[in-house]
């Protein structure tokens, strides 16, 4: 996949930045995750930066202090800045996720 690179502390996870900073949007990336791919390990947080995950293919699982949430195509999850989290491909096939990093309000 042209332009996709591994992400530090993630497994089976390739990402490509497709958009830079504009207003509250700091970054937009597309990630391809192999089955059971994800991360980071260990879970982490981004103080001052919210993460919006939008699934376009596959089934994802997000682990936060609030518990585990599964979400699939055309569903999204917003992780507030500072909240510890990790995301994983919970399906049997590849998953594709659009990740948007936002400056926290």
PDB file of N, CA and C in Angstrom:
ATOM      1  N   UNK A   1       0.852  -1.181   0.000  1.00  0.00           N
ATOM      2  CA  UNK A   1       0.000   0.000   0.000  1.00  0.00           C
ATOM      3  C   UNK A   1       0.893   1.239   0.000  1.00  0.00           C
ATOM      4  N   UNK A   2       0.826   1.959  -1.059  1.00  0.00           N
ATOM      5  CA  UNK A   2       1.681   3.115  -1.260  1.00  0.00           C
ATOM      6  C   UNK A   2       1.423   4.202  -0.218  1.00  0.00           C
ATOM      7  N   UNK A   3       2.472   4.601   0.469  1.00  0.00           N
ATOM      8  CA  UNK A   3       2.376   5.688   1.433  1.00  0.00           C
ATOM      9  C   UNK A   3       1.941   5.288   2.822  1.00  0.00           C
ATOM     10  N   UNK A   4       1.554   4.030   3.043  1.00  0.00           N
ATOM     11  CA  UNK A   4       1.146   3.564   4.367  1.00  0.00           C
ATOM     12  C   UNK A   4       2.375   3.073   5.118  1.00  0.00           C
ATOM     13  N   UNK A   5       2.485   3.442   6.394  1.00  0.00           N
ATOM     14  CA  UNK A   5       3.642   3.053   7.200  1.00  0.00           C
ATOM     15  C   UNK A   5       3.191   2.467   8.533  1.00  0.00           C
ATOM     16  N   UNK A   6       4.036   1.619   9.148  1.00  0.00           N
ATOM     17  CA  UNK A   6       3.709   1.092  10.473  1.00  0.00           C
ATOM     18  C   UNK A   6       3.647   2.222  11.501  1.00  0.00           C
ATOM     19  N   UNK A   7       2.857   2.007  12.541  1.00  0.00           N
ATOM     20  CA  UNK A   7       2.702   2.997  13.607  1.00  0.00           C
ATOM     21  C   UNK A   7       3.368   2.452  14.864  1.00  0.00           C
ATOM     22  N   UNK A   8       4.217   3.255  15.494  1.00  0.00           N
ATOM     23  CA  UNK A   8       4.954   2.864  16.688  1.00  0.00           C
ATOM     24  C   UNK A   8       4.019   2.329  17.773  1.00  0.00           C
ATOM     25  N   UNK A   9       4.385   1.216  18.389  1.00  0.00           N
ATOM     26  CA  UNK A   9       3.644   0.580  19.490  1.00  0.00           C
ATOM     27  C   UNK A   9       2.311  -0.029  19.051  1.00  0.00           C
ATOM     28  N   UNK A  10       2.077  -0.177  17.762  1.00  0.00           N
ATOM     29  CA  UNK A  10       0.869  -0.806  17.237  1.00  0.00           C
ATOM     30  C   UNK A  10       1.268  -2.092  16.514  1.00  0.00           C
ATOM     31  N   UNK A  11       0.366  -3.044  16.452  1.00  0.00           N
ATOM     32  CA  UNK A  11       0.598  -4.325  15.797  1.00  0.00           C
ATOM     33  C   UNK A  11      -0.346  -4.473  14.613  1.00  0.00           C
ATOM     34  N   UNK A  12       0.163  -4.911  13.466  1.00  0.00           N
ATOM     35  CA  UNK A  12      -0.697  -5.123  12.303  1.00  0.00           C
ATOM     36  C   UNK A  12      -1.470  -3.883  11.918  1.00  0.00           C
ATOM     37  N   UNK A  13      -0.811  -2.724  11.941  1.00  0.00           N
ATOM     38  CA  UNK A  13      -1.477  -1.430  11.824  1.00  0.00           C
ATOM     39  C   UNK A  13      -0.637  -0.550  10.905  1.00  0.00           C
ATOM     40  N   UNK A  14      -1.166  -0.214   9.731  1.00  0.00           N
ATOM     41  CA  UNK A  14      -0.507   0.695   8.803  1.00  0.00           C
ATOM     42  C   UNK A  14      -1.365   1.939   8.652  1.00  0.00           C
ATOM     43  N   UNK A  15      -0.733   3.110   8.609  1.00  0.00           N
ATOM     44  CA  UNK A  15      -1.502   4.351   8.512  1.00  0.00           C
ATOM     45  C   UNK A  15      -0.876   5.290   7.484  1.00  0.00           C
ATOM     46  N   UNK A  16      -1.718   6.168   6.959  1.00  0.00           N
ATOM     47  CA  UNK A  16      -1.286   7.171   5.990  1.00  0.00           C
ATOM     48  C   UNK A  16      -1.993   8.480   6.308  1.00  0.00           C
ATOM     49  N   UNK A  17      -1.221   9.539   6.489  1.00  0.00           N
ATOM     50  CA  UNK A  17      -1.806  10.859   6.735  1.00  0.00           C
ATOM     51  C   UNK A  17      -2.339  11.390   5.411  1.00  0.00           C
ATOM     52  N   UNK A  18      -3.596  11.828   5.426  1.00  0.00           N
ATOM     53  CA  UNK A  18      -4.209  12.313   4.188  1.00  0.00           C
ATOM     54  C   UNK A  18      -4.605  13.786   4.253  1.00  0.00           C
ATOM     55  N   UNK A  19      -4.508  14.390   5.450  1.00  0.00           N
ATOM     56  CA  UNK A  19      -4.908  15.789   5.596  1.00  0.00           C
ATOM     57  C   UNK A  19      -4.200  16.365   6.806  1.00  0.00           C
ATOM     58  N   UNK A  20      -3.765  17.593   6.709  1.00  0.00           N
ATOM     59  CA  UNK A  20      -3.072  18.250   7.804  1.00  0.00           C
ATOM     60  C   UNK A  20      -3.969  19.178   8.590  1.00  0.00           C
ATOM     61  N   UNK A  21      -3.360  20.145   9.219  1.00  0.00           N
ATOM     62  CA  UNK A  21      -4.046  21.024  10.161  1.00  0.00           C
ATOM     63  C   UNK A  21      -4.977  22.021   9.468  1.00  0.00           C
ATOM     64  N   UNK A  22      -6.170  22.212  10.059  1.00  0.00           N
ATOM     65  CA  UNK A  22      -7.134  23.205   9.593  1.00  0.00           C
ATOM     66  C   UNK A  22      -8.119  23.459  10.721  1.00  0.00           C
ATOM     67  N   UNK A  23      -8.041  24.625  11.345  1.00  0.00           N
ATOM     68  CA  UNK A  23      -8.932  24.915  12.471  1.00  0.00           C
ATOM     69  C   UNK A  23      -8.687  23.954  13.612  1.00  0.00           C
ATOM     70  N   UNK A  24      -9.747  23.311  14.085  1.00  0.00           N
ATOM     71  CA  UNK A  24      -9.641  22.360  15.189  1.00  0.00           C
ATOM     72  C   UNK A  24      -9.077  21.004  14.748  1.00  0.00           C
ATOM     73  N   UNK A  25      -9.118  20.737  13.441  1.00  0.00           N
ATOM     74  CA  UNK A  25      -8.589  19.476  12.907  1.00  0.00           C
ATOM     75  C   UNK A  25      -7.065  19.565  12.859  1.00  0.00           C
ATOM     76  N   UNK A  26      -6.404  18.626  13.535  1.00  0.00           N
ATOM     77  CA  UNK A  26      -4.946  18.597  13.557  1.00  0.00           C
ATOM     78  C   UNK A  26      -4.380  17.598  12.556  1.00  0.00           C
ATOM     79  N   UNK A  27      -5.137  16.530  12.296  1.00  0.00           N
ATOM     80  CA  UNK A  27      -4.628  15.465  11.440  1.00  0.00           C
ATOM     81  C   UNK A  27      -5.775  14.557  11.034  1.00  0.00           C
ATOM     82  N   UNK A  28      -5.720  14.051   9.807  1.00  0.00           N
ATOM     83  CA  UNK A  28      -6.658  13.023   9.349  1.00  0.00           C
ATOM     84  C   UNK A  28      -5.822  11.916   8.716  1.00  0.00           C
ATOM     85  N   UNK A  29      -6.024  10.685   9.173  1.00  0.00           N
ATOM     86  CA  UNK A  29      -5.278   9.539   8.659  1.00  0.00           C
ATOM     87  C   UNK A  29      -6.235   8.399   8.348  1.00  0.00           C
ATOM     88  N   UNK A  30      -5.792   7.526   7.451  1.00  0.00           N
ATOM     89  CA  UNK A  30      -6.515   6.288   7.164  1.00  0.00           C
ATOM     90  C   UNK A  30      -5.647   5.154   7.676  1.00  0.00           C
ATOM     91  N   UNK A  31      -6.239   4.218   8.408  1.00  0.00           N
ATOM     92  CA  UNK A  31      -5.489   3.083   8.951  1.00  0.00           C
ATOM     93  C   UNK A  31      -6.068   1.775   8.435  1.00  0.00           C
ATOM     94  N   UNK A  32      -5.190   0.867   8.072  1.00  0.00           N
ATOM     95  CA  UNK A  32      -5.552  -0.498   7.680  1.00  0.00           C
ATOM     96  C   UNK A  32      -5.052  -1.414   8.781  1.00  0.00           C
ATOM     97  N   UNK A  33      -5.948  -2.199   9.364  1.00  0.00           N
ATOM     98  CA  UNK A  33      -5.583  -3.091  10.461  1.00  0.00           C
ATOM     99  C   UNK A  33      -5.828  -4.539  10.068  1.00  0.00           C
ATOM    100  N   UNK A  34      -4.834  -5.368  10.294  1.00  0.00           N
ATOM    101  CA  UNK A  34      -4.979  -6.803  10.094  1.00  0.00           C
ATOM    102  C   UNK A  34      -5.869  -7.354  11.204  1.00  0.00           C
ATOM    103  N   UNK A  35      -6.422  -8.566  11.042  1.00  0.00           N
ATOM    104  CA  UNK A  35      -7.181  -9.168  12.143  1.00  0.00           C
ATOM    105  C   UNK A  35      -6.329  -9.205  13.417  1.00  0.00           C
ATOM    106  N   UNK A  36      -6.890  -8.806  14.519  1.00  0.00           N
ATOM    107  CA  UNK A  36      -6.252  -8.671  15.825  1.00  0.00           C
ATOM    108  C   UNK A  36      -5.176  -7.583  15.856  1.00  0.00           C
ATOM    109  N   UNK A  37      -5.075  -6.781  14.803  1.00  0.00           N
ATOM    110  CA  UNK A  37      -4.129  -5.673  14.792  1.00  0.00           C
ATOM    111  C   UNK A  37      -4.704  -4.490  15.543  1.00  0.00           C
ATOM    112  N   UNK A  38      -3.833  -3.652  16.078  1.00  0.00           N
ATOM    113  CA  UNK A  38      -4.301  -2.463  16.774  1.00  0.00           C
ATOM    114  C   UNK A  38      -3.267  -1.936  17.727  1.00  0.00           C
ATOM    115  N   UNK A  39      -3.748  -1.173  18.693  1.00  0.00           N
ATOM    116  CA  UNK A  39      -2.829  -0.628  19.680  1.00  0.00           C
ATOM    117  C   UNK A  39      -3.310   0.710  20.186  1.00  0.00           C
ATOM    118  N   UNK A  40      -2.445   1.385  20.853  1.00  0.00           N
ATOM    119  CA  UNK A  40      -1.086   0.974  21.165  1.00  0.00           C
ATOM    120  C   UNK A  40      -1.062   0.033  22.356  1.00  0.00           C
ATOM    121  N   UNK A  41       0.068  -0.584  22.551  1.00  0.00           N
ATOM    122  CA  UNK A  41       0.262  -1.444  23.714  1.00  0.00           C
ATOM    123  C   UNK A  41       1.493  -0.926  24.446  1.00  0.00           C
ATOM    124  N   UNK A  42       1.368  -0.447  25.645  1.00  0.00           N
ATOM    125  CA  UNK A  42       0.137  -0.354  26.426  1.00  0.00           C
ATOM    126  C   UNK A  42      -0.733   0.822  25.971  1.00  0.00           C
ATOM    127  N   UNK A  43      -1.971   0.832  26.473  1.00  0.00           N
ATOM    128  CA  UNK A  43      -2.911   1.910  26.148  1.00  0.00           C
ATOM    129  C   UNK A  43      -2.294   3.258  26.518  1.00  0.00           C
ATOM    130  N   UNK A  44      -2.748   4.309  25.835  1.00  0.00           N
ATOM    131  CA  UNK A  44      -2.192   5.639  26.096  1.00  0.00           C
ATOM    132  C   UNK A  44      -3.277   6.704  25.997  1.00  0.00           C
ATOM    133  N   UNK A  45      -2.882   7.949  26.219  1.00  0.00           N
ATOM    134  CA  UNK A  45      -3.810   9.074  26.093  1.00  0.00           C
ATOM    135  C   UNK A  45      -3.103  10.205  25.358  1.00  0.00           C
ATOM    136  N   UNK A  46      -3.882  11.182  24.931  1.00  0.00           N
ATOM    137  CA  UNK A  46      -3.362  12.348  24.224  1.00  0.00           C
ATOM    138  C   UNK A  46      -3.946  13.601  24.877  1.00  0.00           C
ATOM    139  N   UNK A  47      -3.376  14.077  25.966  1.00  0.00           N
ATOM    140  CA  UNK A  47      -3.916  15.293  26.584  1.00  0.00           C
ATOM    141  C   UNK A  47      -3.981  16.435  25.566  1.00  0.00           C
ATOM    142  N   UNK A  48      -5.123  17.095  25.533  1.00  0.00           N
ATOM    143  CA  UNK A  48      -5.309  18.222  24.625  1.00  0.00           C
ATOM    144  C   UNK A  48      -5.706  17.842  23.211  1.00  0.00           C
ATOM    145  N   UNK A  49      -5.849  16.530  22.947  1.00  0.00           N
ATOM    146  CA  UNK A  49      -6.211  16.083  21.601  1.00  0.00           C
ATOM    147  C   UNK A  49      -7.296  15.028  21.673  1.00  0.00           C
ATOM    148  N   UNK A  50      -8.432  15.305  21.054  1.00  0.00           N
ATOM    149  CA  UNK A  50      -9.509  14.321  20.945  1.00  0.00           C
ATOM    150  C   UNK A  50      -9.236  13.439  19.725  1.00  0.00           C
ATOM    151  N   UNK A  51      -9.688  12.190  19.789  1.00  0.00           N
ATOM    152  CA  UNK A  51      -9.575  11.274  18.643  1.00  0.00           C
ATOM    153  C   UNK A  51     -10.966  10.856  18.208  1.00  0.00           C
ATOM    154  N   UNK A  52     -11.239  10.982  16.924  1.00  0.00           N
ATOM    155  CA  UNK A  52     -12.483  10.507  16.334  1.00  0.00           C
ATOM    156  C   UNK A  52     -12.127   9.363  15.394  1.00  0.00           C
ATOM    157  N   UNK A  53     -12.657   8.171  15.672  1.00  0.00           N
ATOM    158  CA  UNK A  53     -12.422   6.988  14.848  1.00  0.00           C
ATOM    159  C   UNK A  53     -13.697   6.687  14.064  1.00  0.00           C
ATOM    160  N   UNK A  54     -13.598   6.573  12.737  1.00  0.00           N
ATOM    161  CA  UNK A  54     -14.736   6.268  11.874  1.00  0.00           C
ATOM    162  C   UNK A  54     -14.396   4.990  11.107  1.00  0.00           C
ATOM    163  N   UNK A  55     -15.177   3.935  11.314  1.00  0.00           N
ATOM    164  CA  UNK A  55     -14.921   2.656  10.651  1.00  0.00           C
ATOM    165  C   UNK A  55     -15.585   2.661   9.278  1.00  0.00           C
ATOM    166  N   UNK A  56     -14.809   2.293   8.252  1.00  0.00           N
ATOM    167  CA  UNK A  56     -15.369   2.162   6.908  1.00  0.00           C
ATOM    168  C   UNK A  56     -15.448   0.704   6.469  1.00  0.00           C
ATOM    169  N   UNK A  57     -14.673  -0.155   7.129  1.00  0.00           N
ATOM    170  CA  UNK A  57     -14.685  -1.588   6.805  1.00  0.00           C
ATOM    171  C   UNK A  57     -14.263  -2.374   8.039  1.00  0.00           C
ATOM    172  N   UNK A  58     -14.928  -3.494   8.287  1.00  0.00           N
ATOM    173  CA  UNK A  58     -14.539  -4.363   9.393  1.00  0.00           C
ATOM    174  C   UNK A  58     -15.240  -4.011  10.694  1.00  0.00           C
ATOM    175  N   UNK A  59     -14.758  -4.628  11.769  1.00  0.00           N
ATOM    176  CA  UNK A  59     -15.319  -4.420  13.105  1.00  0.00           C
ATOM    177  C   UNK A  59     -14.185  -4.048  14.047  1.00  0.00           C
ATOM    178  N   UNK A  60     -14.349  -2.941  14.738  1.00  0.00           N
ATOM    179  CA  UNK A  60     -13.331  -2.465  15.675  1.00  0.00           C
ATOM    180  C   UNK A  60     -13.824  -2.604  17.110  1.00  0.00           C
ATOM    181  N   UNK A  61     -12.867  -2.640  18.016  1.00  0.00           N
ATOM    182  CA  UNK A  61     -13.165  -2.659  19.440  1.00  0.00           C
ATOM    183  C   UNK A  61     -12.285  -1.601  20.082  1.00  0.00           C
ATOM    184  N   UNK A  62     -12.882  -0.735  20.873  1.00  0.00           N
ATOM    185  CA  UNK A  62     -12.135   0.293  21.590  1.00  0.00           C
ATOM    186  C   UNK A  62     -12.218   0.005  23.080  1.00  0.00           C
ATOM    187  N   UNK A  63     -11.090   0.102  23.742  1.00  0.00           N
ATOM    188  CA  UNK A  63     -11.039  -0.091  25.191  1.00  0.00           C
ATOM    189  C   UNK A  63     -10.689   1.239  25.832  1.00  0.00           C
ATOM    190  N   UNK A  64     -11.587   1.711  26.708  1.00  0.00           N
ATOM    191  CA  UNK A  64     -11.404   2.958  27.444  1.00  0.00           C
ATOM    192  C   UNK A  64     -11.763   2.689  28.901  1.00  0.00           C
ATOM    193  N   UNK A  65     -11.559   3.647  29.796  1.00  0.00           N
ATOM    194  CA  UNK A  65     -11.977   3.447  31.184  1.00  0.00           C
ATOM    195  C   UNK A  65     -13.474   3.170  31.325  1.00  0.00           C
ATOM    196  N   UNK A  66     -14.268   3.560  30.323  1.00  0.00           N
ATOM    197  CA  UNK A  66     -15.715   3.321  30.362  1.00  0.00           C
ATOM    198  C   UNK A  66     -16.080   1.902  29.957  1.00  0.00           C
ATOM    199  N   UNK A  67     -15.111   1.130  29.461  1.00  0.00           N
ATOM    200  CA  UNK A  67     -15.372  -0.246  29.054  1.00  0.00           C
ATOM    201  C   UNK A  67     -14.953  -0.497  27.623  1.00  0.00           C
ATOM    202  N   UNK A  68     -15.494  -1.569  27.051  1.00  0.00           N
ATOM    203  CA  UNK A  68     -15.174  -1.977  25.688  1.00  0.00           C
ATOM    204  C   UNK A  68     -16.369  -1.686  24.795  1.00  0.00           C
ATOM    205  N   UNK A  69     -16.114  -1.081  23.654  1.00  0.00           N
ATOM    206  CA  UNK A  69     -17.188  -0.780  22.706  1.00  0.00           C
ATOM    207  C   UNK A  69     -16.810  -1.327  21.342  1.00  0.00           C
ATOM    208  N   UNK A  70     -17.738  -2.061  20.727  1.00  0.00           N
ATOM    209  CA  UNK A  70     -17.555  -2.555  19.357  1.00  0.00           C
ATOM    210  C   UNK A  70     -18.277  -1.610  18.408  1.00  0.00           C
ATOM    211  N   UNK A  71     -17.652  -1.329  17.282  1.00  0.00           N
ATOM    212  CA  UNK A  71     -18.303  -0.500  16.280  1.00  0.00           C
ATOM    213  C   UNK A  71     -17.828  -0.919  14.896  1.00  0.00           C
ATOM    214  N   UNK A  72     -18.744  -0.805  13.928  1.00  0.00           N
ATOM    215  CA  UNK A  72     -18.470  -1.293  12.583  1.00  0.00           C
ATOM    216  C   UNK A  72     -18.653  -0.224  11.533  1.00  0.00           C
ATOM    217  N   UNK A  73     -18.823  -0.641  10.278  1.00  0.00           N
ATOM    218  CA  UNK A  73     -18.925   0.306   9.176  1.00  0.00           C
ATOM    219  C   UNK A  73     -19.995   1.376   9.418  1.00  0.00           C
ATOM    220  N   UNK A  74     -19.616   2.604   9.090  1.00  0.00           N
ATOM    221  CA  UNK A  74     -20.492   3.768   9.218  1.00  0.00           C
ATOM    222  C   UNK A  74     -20.820   4.108  10.659  1.00  0.00           C
ATOM    223  N   UNK A  75     -19.990   3.647  11.598  1.00  0.00           N
ATOM    224  CA  UNK A  75     -20.122   4.021  13.006  1.00  0.00           C
ATOM    225  C   UNK A  75     -18.833   4.711  13.438  1.00  0.00           C
ATOM    226  N   UNK A  76     -18.943   5.535  14.473  1.00  0.00           N
ATOM    227  CA  UNK A  76     -17.794   6.308  14.930  1.00  0.00           C
ATOM    228  C   UNK A  76     -17.716   6.309  16.448  1.00  0.00           C
ATOM    229  N   UNK A  77     -16.537   6.629  16.940  1.00  0.00           N
ATOM    230  CA  UNK A  77     -16.300   6.744  18.376  1.00  0.00           C
ATOM    231  C   UNK A  77     -15.410   7.947  18.612  1.00  0.00           C
ATOM    232  N   UNK A  78     -15.806   8.819  19.543  1.00  0.00           N
ATOM    233  CA  UNK A  78     -14.991   9.963  19.934  1.00  0.00           C
ATOM    234  C   UNK A  78     -14.353   9.660  21.277  1.00  0.00           C
ATOM    235  N   UNK A  79     -13.022   9.719  21.325  1.00  0.00           N
ATOM    236  CA  UNK A  79     -12.279   9.520  22.573  1.00  0.00           C
ATOM    237  C   UNK A  79     -11.766  10.892  22.996  1.00  0.00           C
ATOM    238  N   UNK A  80     -12.264  11.424  24.121  1.00  0.00           N
ATOM    239  CA  UNK A  80     -11.829  12.741  24.575  1.00  0.00           C
ATOM    240  C   UNK A  80     -10.337  12.769  24.906  1.00  0.00           C
ATOM    241  N   UNK A  81      -9.718  13.916  24.697  1.00  0.00           N
ATOM    242  CA  UNK A  81      -8.307  14.082  25.028  1.00  0.00           C
ATOM    243  C   UNK A  81      -8.051  13.736  26.483  1.00  0.00           C
ATOM    244  N   UNK A  82      -6.957  13.063  26.732  1.00  0.00           N
ATOM    245  CA  UNK A  82      -6.609  12.682  28.090  1.00  0.00           C
ATOM    246  C   UNK A  82      -7.170  11.343  28.523  1.00  0.00           C
ATOM    247  N   UNK A  83      -8.148  10.773  27.787  1.00  0.00           N
ATOM    248  CA  UNK A  83      -8.724   9.482  28.172  1.00  0.00           C
ATOM    249  C   UNK A  83      -7.838   8.350  27.639  1.00  0.00           C
ATOM    250  N   UNK A  84      -7.463   7.440  28.522  1.00  0.00           N
ATOM    251  CA  UNK A  84      -6.649   6.296  28.128  1.00  0.00           C
ATOM    252  C   UNK A  84      -7.470   5.419  27.192  1.00  0.00           C
ATOM    253  N   UNK A  85      -6.831   4.962  26.102  1.00  0.00           N
ATOM    254  CA  UNK A  85      -7.555   4.167  25.114  1.00  0.00           C
ATOM    255  C   UNK A  85      -6.610   3.296  24.299  1.00  0.00           C
ATOM    256  N   UNK A  86      -7.204   2.310  23.651  1.00  0.00           N
ATOM    257  CA  UNK A  86      -6.551   1.520  22.620  1.00  0.00           C
ATOM    258  C   UNK A  86      -7.648   0.988  21.712  1.00  0.00           C
ATOM    259  N   UNK A  87      -7.319   0.769  20.442  1.00  0.00           N
ATOM    260  CA  UNK A  87      -8.300   0.263  19.483  1.00  0.00           C
ATOM    261  C   UNK A  87      -7.735  -0.970  18.788  1.00  0.00           C
ATOM    262  N   UNK A  88      -8.627  -1.926  18.512  1.00  0.00           N
ATOM    263  CA  UNK A  88      -8.211  -3.186  17.913  1.00  0.00           C
ATOM    264  C   UNK A  88      -9.203  -3.626  16.857  1.00  0.00           C
ATOM    265  N   UNK A  89      -8.713  -4.347  15.860  1.00  0.00           N
ATOM    266  CA  UNK A  89      -9.560  -4.992  14.873  1.00  0.00           C
ATOM    267  C   UNK A  89     -10.167  -6.213  15.550  1.00  0.00           C
ATOM    268  N   UNK A  90     -11.478  -6.235  15.709  1.00  0.00           N
ATOM    269  CA  UNK A  90     -12.169  -7.328  16.402  1.00  0.00           C
ATOM    270  C   UNK A  90     -12.779  -8.326  15.431  1.00  0.00           C
ATOM    271  N   UNK A  91     -12.542  -8.142  14.129  1.00  0.00           N
ATOM    272  CA  UNK A  91     -13.134  -9.026  13.135  1.00  0.00           C
ATOM    273  C   UNK A  91     -12.161 -10.064  12.611  1.00  0.00           C
ATOM    274  N   UNK A  92     -12.662 -10.903  11.717  1.00  0.00           N
ATOM    275  CA  UNK A  92     -11.851 -11.957  11.109  1.00  0.00           C
ATOM    276  C   UNK A  92     -11.108 -11.484   9.861  1.00  0.00           C
ATOM    277  N   UNK A  93     -11.493 -10.332   9.329  1.00  0.00           N
ATOM    278  CA  UNK A  93     -10.856  -9.794   8.130  1.00  0.00           C
ATOM    279  C   UNK A  93     -10.247  -8.437   8.413  1.00  0.00           C
ATOM    280  N   UNK A  94      -9.699  -7.803   7.387  1.00  0.00           N
ATOM    281  CA  UNK A  94      -9.097  -6.489   7.581  1.00  0.00           C
ATOM    282  C   UNK A  94     -10.124  -5.437   7.992  1.00  0.00           C
ATOM    283  N   UNK A  95      -9.639  -4.405   8.657  1.00  0.00           N
ATOM    284  CA  UNK A  95     -10.480  -3.264   9.036  1.00  0.00           C
ATOM    285  C   UNK A  95      -9.830  -1.995   8.494  1.00  0.00           C
ATOM    286  N   UNK A  96     -10.670  -1.031   8.128  1.00  0.00           N
ATOM    287  CA  UNK A  96     -10.192   0.266   7.669  1.00  0.00           C
ATOM    288  C   UNK A  96     -10.880   1.327   8.516  1.00  0.00           C
ATOM    289  N   UNK A  97     -10.069   2.236   9.053  1.00  0.00           N
ATOM    290  CA  UNK A  97     -10.571   3.263   9.964  1.00  0.00           C
ATOM    291  C   UNK A  97     -10.020   4.621   9.537  1.00  0.00           C
ATOM    292  N   UNK A  98     -10.882   5.629   9.527  1.00  0.00           N
ATOM    293  CA  UNK A  98     -10.438   7.004   9.350  1.00  0.00           C
ATOM    294  C   UNK A  98     -10.264   7.574  10.750  1.00  0.00           C
ATOM    295  N   UNK A  99      -9.078   8.083  11.027  1.00  0.00           N
ATOM    296  CA  UNK A  99      -8.798   8.675  12.331  1.00  0.00           C
ATOM    297  C   UNK A  99      -8.625  10.175  12.196  1.00  0.00           C
ATOM    298  N   UNK A 100      -9.385  10.926  12.972  1.00  0.00           N
ATOM    299  CA  UNK A 100      -9.304  12.382  12.953  1.00  0.00           C
ATOM    300  C   UNK A 100      -8.830  12.834  14.328  1.00  0.00           C
ATOM    301  N   UNK A 101      -7.729  13.582  14.360  1.00  0.00           N
ATOM    302  CA  UNK A 101      -7.221  14.141  15.606  1.00  0.00           C
ATOM    303  C   UNK A 101      -7.658  15.597  15.676  1.00  0.00           C
ATOM    304  N   UNK A 102      -8.313  15.947  16.780  1.00  0.00           N
ATOM    305  CA  UNK A 102      -8.868  17.292  16.964  1.00  0.00           C
ATOM    306  C   UNK A 102      -8.250  17.950  18.187  1.00  0.00           C
ATOM    307  N   UNK A 103      -8.050  19.260  18.128  1.00  0.00           N
ATOM    308  CA  UNK A 103      -7.650  19.990  19.324  1.00  0.00           C
ATOM    309  C   UNK A 103      -8.817  19.932  20.296  1.00  0.00           C
ATOM    310  N   UNK A 104      -8.544  19.543  21.540  1.00  0.00           N
ATOM    311  CA  UNK A 104      -9.613  19.432  22.536  1.00  0.00           C
ATOM    312  C   UNK A 104     -10.236  20.798  22.778  1.00  0.00           C
ATOM    313  N   UNK A 105     -11.546  20.795  23.033  1.00  0.00           N
ATOM    314  CA  UNK A 105     -12.249  22.059  23.305  1.00  0.00           C
ATOM    315  C   UNK A 105     -12.042  22.473  24.739  1.00  0.00           C
TER     316      UNK A 105
END
